[in-house]
Amino acid sequence: MYVGRYRTAYLLMARKNGKTELTAGIALYLLVADGEEGAEIYGCAKDRDQARLV
């Protein structure tokens, strides 16, 4: 059984550099292409507009 090495990531980037889009892509990869069965992916947003982008 494969278990991921890391469970949490902390991303630091300057404003307006595409953090939301980058983390949305990472979440989609982990959900679909990672190969882990029963993967649970959680995300959070500051407001509804940011959540809509993801």
PDB file of N, CA and C in Angstrom:
ATOM      1  N   MET A   1       0.851  -1.187   0.000  1.00  0.00           N
ATOM      2  CA  MET A   1       0.000   0.000   0.000  1.00  0.00           C
ATOM      3  C   MET A   1       0.886   1.236   0.000  1.00  0.00           C
ATOM      4  N   TYR A   2       0.589   2.149  -0.899  1.00  0.00           N
ATOM      5  CA  TYR A   2       1.346   3.389  -1.014  1.00  0.00           C
ATOM      6  C   TYR A   2       0.745   4.456  -0.108  1.00  0.00           C
ATOM      7  N   VAL A   3       1.581   5.122   0.664  1.00  0.00           N
ATOM      8  CA  VAL A   3       1.136   6.222   1.514  1.00  0.00           C
ATOM      9  C   VAL A   3       1.967   7.444   1.155  1.00  0.00           C
ATOM     10  N   GLY A   4       1.300   8.561   0.940  1.00  0.00           N
ATOM     11  CA  GLY A   4       2.017   9.785   0.584  1.00  0.00           C
ATOM     12  C   GLY A   4       2.978  10.224   1.681  1.00  0.00           C
ATOM     13  N   ARG A   5       4.068  10.813   1.263  1.00  0.00           N
ATOM     14  CA  ARG A   5       5.085  11.219   2.227  1.00  0.00           C
ATOM     15  C   ARG A   5       4.682  12.491   2.961  1.00  0.00           C
ATOM     16  N   TYR A   6       4.037  13.402   2.254  1.00  0.00           N
ATOM     17  CA  TYR A   6       3.651  14.680   2.851  1.00  0.00           C
ATOM     18  C   TYR A   6       2.136  14.793   2.892  1.00  0.00           C
ATOM     19  N   ARG A   7       1.627  15.399   3.940  1.00  0.00           N
ATOM     20  CA  ARG A   7       0.182  15.555   4.086  1.00  0.00           C
ATOM     21  C   ARG A   7      -0.256  17.007   3.962  1.00  0.00           C
ATOM     22  N   THR A   8       0.650  17.947   4.187  1.00  0.00           N
ATOM     23  CA  THR A   8       0.310  19.362   4.179  1.00  0.00           C
ATOM     24  C   THR A   8       1.356  20.138   3.391  1.00  0.00           C
ATOM     25  N   ALA A   9       0.907  21.132   2.665  1.00  0.00           N
ATOM     26  CA  ALA A   9       1.820  22.016   1.931  1.00  0.00           C
ATOM     27  C   ALA A   9       1.503  23.458   2.313  1.00  0.00           C
ATOM     28  N   TYR A  10       2.538  24.258   2.389  1.00  0.00           N
ATOM     29  CA  TYR A  10       2.383  25.680   2.704  1.00  0.00           C
ATOM     30  C   TYR A  10       3.020  26.456   1.570  1.00  0.00           C
ATOM     31  N   LEU A  11       2.230  27.261   0.873  1.00  0.00           N
ATOM     32  CA  LEU A  11       2.678  27.949  -0.329  1.00  0.00           C
ATOM     33  C   LEU A  11       2.782  29.443  -0.065  1.00  0.00           C
ATOM     34  N   LEU A  12       3.935  30.014  -0.332  1.00  0.00           N
ATOM     35  CA  LEU A  12       4.143  31.451  -0.201  1.00  0.00           C
ATOM     36  C   LEU A  12       4.489  32.042  -1.566  1.00  0.00           C
ATOM     37  N   MET A  13       3.657  32.976  -2.007  1.00  0.00           N
ATOM     38  CA  MET A  13       3.893  33.689  -3.264  1.00  0.00           C
ATOM     39  C   MET A  13       3.409  35.116  -3.077  1.00  0.00           C
ATOM     40  N   ALA A  14       3.963  36.017  -3.867  1.00  0.00           N
ATOM     41  CA  ALA A  14       3.526  37.411  -3.815  1.00  0.00           C
ATOM     42  C   ALA A  14       2.099  37.537  -4.360  1.00  0.00           C
ATOM     43  N   ARG A  15       1.495  38.665  -4.101  1.00  0.00           N
ATOM     44  CA  ARG A  15       0.130  38.909  -4.564  1.00  0.00           C
ATOM     45  C   ARG A  15       0.052  38.899  -6.085  1.00  0.00           C
ATOM     46  N   LYS A  16      -1.105  38.459  -6.590  1.00  0.00           N
ATOM     47  CA  LYS A  16      -1.433  38.488  -8.016  1.00  0.00           C
ATOM     48  C   LYS A  16      -0.501  37.637  -8.878  1.00  0.00           C
ATOM     49  N   ASN A  17      -0.017  36.512  -8.340  1.00  0.00           N
ATOM     50  CA  ASN A  17       0.851  35.632  -9.119  1.00  0.00           C
ATOM     51  C   ASN A  17       0.200  34.290  -9.432  1.00  0.00           C
ATOM     52  N   GLY A  18      -1.079  34.145  -9.185  1.00  0.00           N
ATOM     53  CA  GLY A  18      -1.788  32.932  -9.586  1.00  0.00           C
ATOM     54  C   GLY A  18      -1.775  31.806  -8.569  1.00  0.00           C
ATOM     55  N   LYS A  19      -1.791  32.130  -7.281  1.00  0.00           N
ATOM     56  CA  LYS A  19      -1.817  31.081  -6.250  1.00  0.00           C
ATOM     57  C   LYS A  19      -3.083  30.242  -6.346  1.00  0.00           C
ATOM     58  N   THR A  20      -4.202  30.893  -6.580  1.00  0.00           N
ATOM     59  CA  THR A  20      -5.480  30.179  -6.637  1.00  0.00           C
ATOM     60  C   THR A  20      -5.479  29.172  -7.767  1.00  0.00           C
ATOM     61  N   GLU A  21      -5.060  29.584  -8.955  1.00  0.00           N
ATOM     62  CA  GLU A  21      -5.046  28.694 -10.099  1.00  0.00           C
ATOM     63  C   GLU A  21      -4.030  27.572  -9.915  1.00  0.00           C
ATOM     64  N   LEU A  22      -2.880  27.877  -9.327  1.00  0.00           N
ATOM     65  CA  LEU A  22      -1.862  26.855  -9.082  1.00  0.00           C
ATOM     66  C   LEU A  22      -2.370  25.796  -8.111  1.00  0.00           C
ATOM     67  N   THR A  23      -2.965  26.233  -7.016  1.00  0.00           N
ATOM     68  CA  THR A  23      -3.465  25.258  -6.040  1.00  0.00           C
ATOM     69  C   THR A  23      -4.661  24.477  -6.584  1.00  0.00           C
ATOM     70  N   ALA A  24      -5.476  25.082  -7.456  1.00  0.00           N
ATOM     71  CA  ALA A  24      -6.575  24.346  -8.092  1.00  0.00           C
ATOM     72  C   ALA A  24      -6.013  23.235  -8.972  1.00  0.00           C
ATOM     73  N   GLY A  25      -4.951  23.528  -9.706  1.00  0.00           N
ATOM     74  CA  GLY A  25      -4.316  22.509 -10.540  1.00  0.00           C
ATOM     75  C   GLY A  25      -3.717  21.384  -9.713  1.00  0.00           C
ATOM     76  N   ILE A  26      -3.073  21.726  -8.615  1.00  0.00           N
ATOM     77  CA  ILE A  26      -2.493  20.710  -7.729  1.00  0.00           C
ATOM     78  C   ILE A  26      -3.596  19.833  -7.142  1.00  0.00           C
ATOM     79  N   ALA A  27      -4.697  20.448  -6.731  1.00  0.00           N
ATOM     80  CA  ALA A  27      -5.809  19.685  -6.163  1.00  0.00           C
ATOM     81  C   ALA A  27      -6.403  18.729  -7.196  1.00  0.00           C
ATOM     82  N   LEU A  28      -6.559  19.191  -8.436  1.00  0.00           N
ATOM     83  CA  LEU A  28      -7.080  18.308  -9.482  1.00  0.00           C
ATOM     84  C   LEU A  28      -6.131  17.146  -9.756  1.00  0.00           C
ATOM     85  N   TYR A  29      -4.830  17.419  -9.764  1.00  0.00           N
ATOM     86  CA  TYR A  29      -3.864  16.345  -9.970  1.00  0.00           C
ATOM     87  C   TYR A  29      -3.969  15.306  -8.847  1.00  0.00           C
ATOM     88  N   LEU A  30      -4.008  15.776  -7.615  1.00  0.00           N
ATOM     89  CA  LEU A  30      -4.073  14.847  -6.491  1.00  0.00           C
ATOM     90  C   LEU A  30      -5.375  14.062  -6.471  1.00  0.00           C
ATOM     91  N   LEU A  31      -6.444  14.658  -6.968  1.00  0.00           N
ATOM     92  CA  LEU A  31      -7.738  13.989  -6.981  1.00  0.00           C
ATOM     93  C   LEU A  31      -7.823  12.928  -8.078  1.00  0.00           C
ATOM     94  N   VAL A  32      -7.265  13.226  -9.258  1.00  0.00           N
ATOM     95  CA  VAL A  32      -7.481  12.373 -10.423  1.00  0.00           C
ATOM     96  C   VAL A  32      -6.263  11.530 -10.788  1.00  0.00           C
ATOM     97  N   ALA A  33      -5.092  12.138 -10.875  1.00  0.00           N
ATOM     98  CA  ALA A  33      -3.948  11.472 -11.503  1.00  0.00           C
ATOM     99  C   ALA A  33      -2.939  10.902 -10.515  1.00  0.00           C
ATOM    100  N   ASP A  34      -3.130  11.065  -9.253  1.00  0.00           N
ATOM    101  CA  ASP A  34      -2.142  10.628  -8.273  1.00  0.00           C
ATOM    102  C   ASP A  34      -2.132   9.115  -8.085  1.00  0.00           C
ATOM    103  N   GLY A  35      -3.243   8.472  -8.360  1.00  0.00           N
ATOM    104  CA  GLY A  35      -3.307   7.017  -8.242  1.00  0.00           C
ATOM    105  C   GLY A  35      -3.670   6.523  -6.854  1.00  0.00           C
ATOM    106  N   GLU A  36      -3.968   7.408  -5.935  1.00  0.00           N
ATOM    107  CA  GLU A  36      -4.363   6.987  -4.590  1.00  0.00           C
ATOM    108  C   GLU A  36      -5.868   6.758  -4.569  1.00  0.00           C
ATOM    109  N   GLU A  37      -6.264   5.582  -4.106  1.00  0.00           N
ATOM    110  CA  GLU A  37      -7.689   5.267  -4.043  1.00  0.00           C
ATOM    111  C   GLU A  37      -8.327   5.954  -2.849  1.00  0.00           C
ATOM    112  N   GLY A  38      -9.509   6.498  -3.035  1.00  0.00           N
ATOM    113  CA  GLY A  38     -10.239   7.137  -1.954  1.00  0.00           C
ATOM    114  C   GLY A  38      -9.607   8.432  -1.475  1.00  0.00           C
ATOM    115  N   ALA A  39      -8.961   9.160  -2.380  1.00  0.00           N
ATOM    116  CA  ALA A  39      -8.295  10.407  -1.996  1.00  0.00           C
ATOM    117  C   ALA A  39      -9.317  11.448  -1.547  1.00  0.00           C
ATOM    118  N   GLU A  40      -8.990  12.178  -0.516  1.00  0.00           N
ATOM    119  CA  GLU A  40      -9.818  13.279  -0.039  1.00  0.00           C
ATOM    120  C   GLU A  40      -9.002  14.551  -0.167  1.00  0.00           C
ATOM    121  N   ILE A  41      -9.530  15.505  -0.903  1.00  0.00           N
ATOM    122  CA  ILE A  41      -8.831  16.764  -1.156  1.00  0.00           C
ATOM    123  C   ILE A  41      -9.671  17.885  -0.563  1.00  0.00           C
ATOM    124  N   TYR A  42      -9.053  18.714   0.255  1.00  0.00           N
ATOM    125  CA  TYR A  42      -9.746  19.839   0.874  1.00  0.00           C
ATOM    126  C   TYR A  42      -9.086  21.138   0.456  1.00  0.00           C
ATOM    127  N   GLY A  43      -9.876  22.166   0.309  1.00  0.00           N
ATOM    128  CA  GLY A  43      -9.356  23.487  -0.014  1.00  0.00           C
ATOM    129  C   GLY A  43     -10.137  24.536   0.740  1.00  0.00           C
ATOM    130  N   CYS A  44      -9.586  25.712   0.827  1.00  0.00           N
ATOM    131  CA  CYS A  44     -10.291  26.805   1.491  1.00  0.00           C
ATOM    132  C   CYS A  44     -10.059  28.085   0.696  1.00  0.00           C
ATOM    133  N   ALA A  45     -10.962  29.015   0.860  1.00  0.00           N
ATOM    134  CA  ALA A  45     -10.885  30.289   0.146  1.00  0.00           C
ATOM    135  C   ALA A  45     -11.242  31.419   1.106  1.00  0.00           C
ATOM    136  N   LYS A  46     -10.764  32.589   0.772  1.00  0.00           N
ATOM    137  CA  LYS A  46     -11.011  33.764   1.604  1.00  0.00           C
ATOM    138  C   LYS A  46     -12.448  34.256   1.466  1.00  0.00           C
ATOM    139  N   ASP A  47     -12.979  34.188   0.252  1.00  0.00           N
ATOM    140  CA  ASP A  47     -14.340  34.657   0.002  1.00  0.00           C
ATOM    141  C   ASP A  47     -14.957  33.878  -1.154  1.00  0.00           C
ATOM    142  N   ARG A  48     -16.210  34.170  -1.473  1.00  0.00           N
ATOM    143  CA  ARG A  48     -16.902  33.440  -2.529  1.00  0.00           C
ATOM    144  C   ARG A  48     -16.284  33.655  -3.897  1.00  0.00           C
ATOM    145  N   ASP A  49     -15.775  34.837  -4.164  1.00  0.00           N
ATOM    146  CA  ASP A  49     -15.177  35.103  -5.473  1.00  0.00           C
ATOM    147  C   ASP A  49     -13.939  34.227  -5.695  1.00  0.00           C
ATOM    148  N   GLN A  50     -13.121  34.078  -4.672  1.00  0.00           N
ATOM    149  CA  GLN A  50     -11.954  33.219  -4.791  1.00  0.00           C
ATOM    150  C   GLN A  50     -12.360  31.758  -4.900  1.00  0.00           C
ATOM    151  N   ALA A  51     -13.349  31.342  -4.151  1.00  0.00           N
ATOM    152  CA  ALA A  51     -13.832  29.971  -4.213  1.00  0.00           C
ATOM    153  C   ALA A  51     -14.417  29.662  -5.597  1.00  0.00           C
ATOM    154  N   ARG A  52     -15.039  30.630  -6.222  1.00  0.00           N
ATOM    155  CA  ARG A  52     -15.605  30.444  -7.557  1.00  0.00           C
ATOM    156  C   ARG A  52     -14.508  30.155  -8.577  1.00  0.00           C
ATOM    157  N   LEU A  53     -13.338  30.766  -8.417  1.00  0.00           N
ATOM    158  CA  LEU A  53     -12.233  30.525  -9.349  1.00  0.00           C
ATOM    159  C   LEU A  53     -11.721  29.092  -9.265  1.00  0.00           C
ATOM    160  N   VAL A  54     -11.708  28.577  -8.064  1.00  0.00           N
ATOM    161  CA  VAL A  54     -11.195  27.222  -7.878  1.00  0.00           C
ATOM    162  C   VAL A  54     -12.223  26.217  -8.351  1.00  0.00           C
TER     163      VAL A  54
END
